[in-house]
């Protein structure tokens, strides 16, 4: 029997929760749902239906929190992990529609726009990868996946004229470079690290972007 273990950050809703749901359908999988709030009804209800789903408290923007999550994961899996999926993401919804020329000359306001996606996509991506790396090294598949976006694709931006969602796009582009650095470092050790863009997804963000594009 092929038994695989997966850890997914940002697992309480959207893409992360759907990863958990689909992976848990195979009862031989061990699925670790990393969430800021383990009491969230969206994930706790799903976990109650699948004995192979383990909800673990972990905030990717807090180094100590994600280290504790990795320790909790190791206790469940015997110190190993096959696949890590870093899916956590946050944006300042109020300014997502801003074009770059609309971003104000206000240092505090700009940090409020950029901090959520940078904290989850770059800092969180770094801390999560490093925290779970010892488990991945002992796993069989040795895969680390970071959820990216076509919004960080230079060709798409130039061809479509998508000028909004500046901070989100910049953070995803930075994450892509960071992922490439990880791939260069860890590839020789047999660990695959990649950025994956799922395309247009029917989440609340997807609906919001669709409304904006209309």
Protein backbone atom coordinates (compact mmCIF):
# COMPACT_ATOMS: atom_id res chain seq x y z
CA UNK A 1 0.00 0.00 0.00
CA UNK A 2 1.36 3.41 -0.99
CA UNK A 3 1.15 5.65 2.06
CA UNK A 4 1.95 9.34 1.62
CA UNK A 5 2.00 12.28 4.02
CA UNK A 6 1.10 15.84 3.12
CA UNK A 7 1.21 19.14 5.02
CA UNK A 8 -0.80 22.09 3.67
CA UNK A 9 -0.57 25.65 5.02
CA UNK A 10 -3.53 28.00 4.76
CA UNK A 11 -5.76 24.95 4.92
CA UNK A 12 -8.87 26.45 6.52
CA UNK A 13 -10.46 27.74 3.30
CA UNK A 14 -10.19 28.06 -0.45
CA UNK A 15 -7.48 26.17 -2.32
CA UNK A 16 -5.84 24.91 0.87
CA UNK A 17 -9.03 23.35 2.20
CA UNK A 18 -9.72 21.74 -1.17
CA UNK A 19 -6.24 20.20 -1.17
CA UNK A 20 -7.05 18.71 2.22
CA UNK A 21 -10.44 17.41 1.05
CA UNK A 22 -9.12 15.74 -2.09
CA UNK A 23 -6.01 14.27 -0.48
CA UNK A 24 -8.02 12.93 2.46
CA UNK A 25 -10.26 11.00 0.06
CA UNK A 26 -7.42 8.48 -0.20
CA UNK A 27 -7.55 6.88 3.24
CA UNK A 28 -3.91 5.76 3.00
CA UNK A 29 -2.78 9.41 3.02
CA UNK A 30 -1.89 11.29 6.19
CA UNK A 31 -3.02 14.89 5.72
CA UNK A 32 -1.80 17.68 8.01
CA UNK A 33 -3.90 20.84 7.80
CA UNK A 34 -1.83 23.78 9.06
CA UNK A 35 -4.15 26.63 10.12
CA UNK A 36 -4.00 29.72 12.31
CA UNK A 37 -7.28 28.79 14.00
CA UNK A 38 -7.83 25.05 14.57
CA UNK A 39 -11.36 25.85 15.76
CA UNK A 40 -12.33 27.26 12.35
CA UNK A 41 -15.61 25.53 11.39
CA UNK A 42 -14.50 25.15 7.77
CA UNK A 43 -11.57 22.87 8.62
CA UNK A 44 -12.84 21.29 11.85
CA UNK A 45 -15.99 20.09 10.07
CA UNK A 46 -13.91 18.55 7.28
CA UNK A 47 -11.52 16.91 9.75
CA UNK A 48 -14.45 15.37 11.62
CA UNK A 49 -15.35 13.43 8.46
CA UNK A 50 -11.85 12.08 7.77
CA UNK A 51 -9.82 10.20 10.38
CA UNK A 52 -6.65 10.80 8.34
CA UNK A 53 -6.85 14.62 8.61
CA UNK A 54 -4.91 16.18 11.47
CA UNK A 55 -5.48 19.88 12.19
CA UNK A 56 -2.35 21.64 13.46
CA UNK A 57 -2.12 25.22 14.71
CA UNK A 58 0.48 27.20 12.78
CA UNK A 59 0.92 30.78 11.59
CA UNK A 60 3.42 31.01 8.72
CA UNK A 61 4.12 34.67 9.52
CA UNK A 62 5.36 33.73 13.01
CA UNK A 63 8.65 31.75 12.97
CA UNK A 64 8.08 30.21 16.40
CA UNK A 65 4.53 29.21 15.53
CA UNK A 66 5.52 27.42 12.32
CA UNK A 67 8.42 25.68 14.07
CA UNK A 68 5.95 24.41 16.67
CA UNK A 69 3.66 23.25 13.85
CA UNK A 70 6.53 21.30 12.29
CA UNK A 71 7.23 19.65 15.65
CA UNK A 72 3.58 18.72 16.00
CA UNK A 73 3.61 17.32 12.46
CA UNK A 74 6.73 15.25 13.21
CA UNK A 75 5.02 13.72 16.24
CA UNK A 76 2.16 12.53 14.01
CA UNK A 77 4.23 11.26 11.07
CA UNK A 78 7.22 9.81 12.90
CA UNK A 79 9.49 12.68 11.91
CA UNK A 80 9.00 12.52 8.13
CA UNK A 81 6.92 14.19 5.41
CA UNK A 82 6.51 13.43 1.72
CA UNK A 83 4.98 16.65 0.38
CA UNK A 84 4.77 20.19 1.77
CA UNK A 85 2.30 22.55 0.08
CA UNK A 86 2.76 26.18 1.08
CA UNK A 87 -0.56 27.75 0.15
CA UNK A 88 -0.95 30.53 2.74
CA UNK A 89 -1.72 33.94 1.30
CA UNK A 90 -3.05 37.28 2.51
CA UNK A 91 -3.87 40.55 0.77
CA UNK A 92 -5.19 43.98 1.64
CA UNK A 93 -8.54 43.68 -0.12
CA UNK A 94 -9.31 47.39 0.14
CA UNK A 95 -6.39 48.31 -2.14
CA UNK A 96 -6.28 45.30 -4.51
CA UNK A 97 -7.85 47.35 -7.30
CA UNK A 98 -5.18 50.08 -7.08
CA UNK A 99 -2.88 50.66 -10.05
CA UNK A 100 0.75 51.41 -9.12
CA UNK A 101 0.27 55.17 -9.68
CA UNK A 102 -2.57 55.13 -7.13
CA UNK A 103 -0.39 53.88 -4.28
CA UNK A 104 -0.06 56.81 -1.84
CA UNK A 105 3.01 58.73 -0.67
CA UNK A 106 2.46 57.36 2.82
CA UNK A 107 4.98 54.92 4.26
CA UNK A 108 2.57 53.42 6.79
CA UNK A 109 -0.19 52.98 4.20
CA UNK A 110 2.19 51.32 1.74
CA UNK A 111 3.41 48.89 4.39
CA UNK A 112 -0.21 48.02 5.16
CA UNK A 113 -0.70 47.20 1.46
CA UNK A 114 2.50 45.19 1.02
CA UNK A 115 2.94 43.48 4.40
CA UNK A 116 0.17 40.84 4.13
CA UNK A 117 1.35 39.26 0.84
CA UNK A 118 5.05 39.67 1.67
CA UNK A 119 4.59 38.14 5.13
CA UNK A 120 2.79 35.07 3.79
CA UNK A 121 4.36 34.69 0.35
CA UNK A 122 8.01 35.46 1.05
CA UNK A 123 8.76 35.39 4.78
CA UNK A 124 6.16 32.69 5.41
CA UNK A 125 7.36 30.68 2.46
CA UNK A 126 10.92 30.83 3.80
CA UNK A 127 10.09 29.94 7.40
CA UNK A 128 7.66 27.17 6.45
CA UNK A 129 10.14 25.54 4.08
CA UNK A 130 12.98 25.68 6.60
CA UNK A 131 10.80 24.43 9.47
CA UNK A 132 9.52 21.40 7.56
CA UNK A 133 12.73 20.64 5.65
CA UNK A 134 14.07 18.12 8.22
CA UNK A 135 10.83 16.14 7.79
CA UNK A 136 10.96 16.36 3.98
CA UNK A 137 14.55 15.06 4.02
CA UNK A 138 13.33 11.89 5.71
CA UNK A 139 10.29 11.47 3.44
CA UNK A 140 10.02 9.32 0.33
CA UNK A 141 8.74 11.83 -2.26
CA UNK A 142 10.69 14.87 -1.00
CA UNK A 143 8.54 17.54 -2.68
CA UNK A 144 7.95 21.16 -1.65
CA UNK A 145 5.27 23.06 -3.57
CA UNK A 146 4.58 26.78 -3.30
CA UNK A 147 1.29 28.06 -4.69
CA UNK A 148 2.02 30.95 -7.03
CA UNK A 149 -0.03 32.93 -9.53
CA UNK A 150 -0.08 33.96 -13.17
CA UNK A 151 -0.44 37.50 -11.81
CA UNK A 152 3.35 37.34 -11.31
CA UNK A 153 3.96 36.39 -14.95
CA UNK A 154 5.56 39.27 -16.86
CA UNK A 155 4.24 38.14 -20.24
CA UNK A 156 0.68 37.88 -18.93
CA UNK A 157 0.86 41.35 -17.40
CA UNK A 158 2.17 42.92 -20.61
CA UNK A 159 -0.25 41.08 -22.89
CA UNK A 160 -3.39 41.65 -20.82
CA UNK A 161 -2.64 45.03 -19.27
CA UNK A 162 -3.40 43.77 -15.76
CA UNK A 163 -2.10 46.73 -13.75
CA UNK A 164 -3.83 46.18 -10.41
CA UNK A 165 -3.05 43.83 -7.47
CA UNK A 166 0.46 45.29 -7.31
CA UNK A 167 1.57 44.03 -3.89
CA UNK A 168 0.07 40.56 -4.43
CA UNK A 169 1.81 40.21 -7.80
CA UNK A 170 5.15 41.54 -6.53
CA UNK A 171 5.06 39.16 -3.57
CA UNK A 172 4.30 36.16 -5.79
CA UNK A 173 7.09 37.15 -8.19
CA UNK A 174 9.51 37.43 -5.28
CA UNK A 175 8.36 34.06 -4.00
CA UNK A 176 9.01 32.53 -7.43
CA UNK A 177 12.63 33.71 -7.31
CA UNK A 178 13.00 32.41 -3.77
CA UNK A 179 11.58 29.04 -4.86
CA UNK A 180 14.14 28.92 -7.68
CA UNK A 181 16.91 29.54 -5.13
CA UNK A 182 15.60 26.66 -3.00
CA UNK A 183 15.45 24.42 -6.07
CA UNK A 184 19.06 25.25 -6.87
CA UNK A 185 20.19 24.53 -3.30
CA UNK A 186 18.08 21.45 -2.55
CA UNK A 187 17.93 19.81 -5.98
CA UNK A 188 21.33 18.13 -5.57
CA UNK A 189 19.98 16.60 -2.34
CA UNK A 190 17.10 14.97 -4.20
CA UNK A 191 14.46 17.46 -3.00
CA UNK A 192 12.12 18.93 -5.62
CA UNK A 193 11.03 22.53 -4.96
CA UNK A 194 8.63 24.25 -7.35
CA UNK A 195 6.13 27.08 -7.72
CA UNK A 196 2.73 26.01 -9.02
CA UNK A 197 0.04 28.29 -10.43
CA UNK A 198 -3.39 26.63 -10.20
CA UNK A 199 -4.99 29.05 -12.66
CA UNK A 200 -8.40 30.65 -12.14
CA UNK A 201 -9.99 29.14 -9.04
CA UNK A 202 -13.54 29.54 -7.73
CA UNK A 203 -12.66 31.08 -4.36
CA UNK A 204 -13.86 34.41 -2.97
CA UNK A 205 -10.70 35.99 -4.42
CA UNK A 206 -11.50 34.49 -7.80
CA UNK A 207 -15.01 35.93 -7.72
CA UNK A 208 -13.61 39.32 -6.67
CA UNK A 209 -11.12 39.38 -9.54
CA UNK A 210 -13.79 38.30 -12.02
CA UNK A 211 -15.99 41.19 -10.90
CA UNK A 212 -13.06 43.60 -11.25
CA UNK A 213 -12.29 42.41 -14.79
CA UNK A 214 -15.84 42.70 -16.06
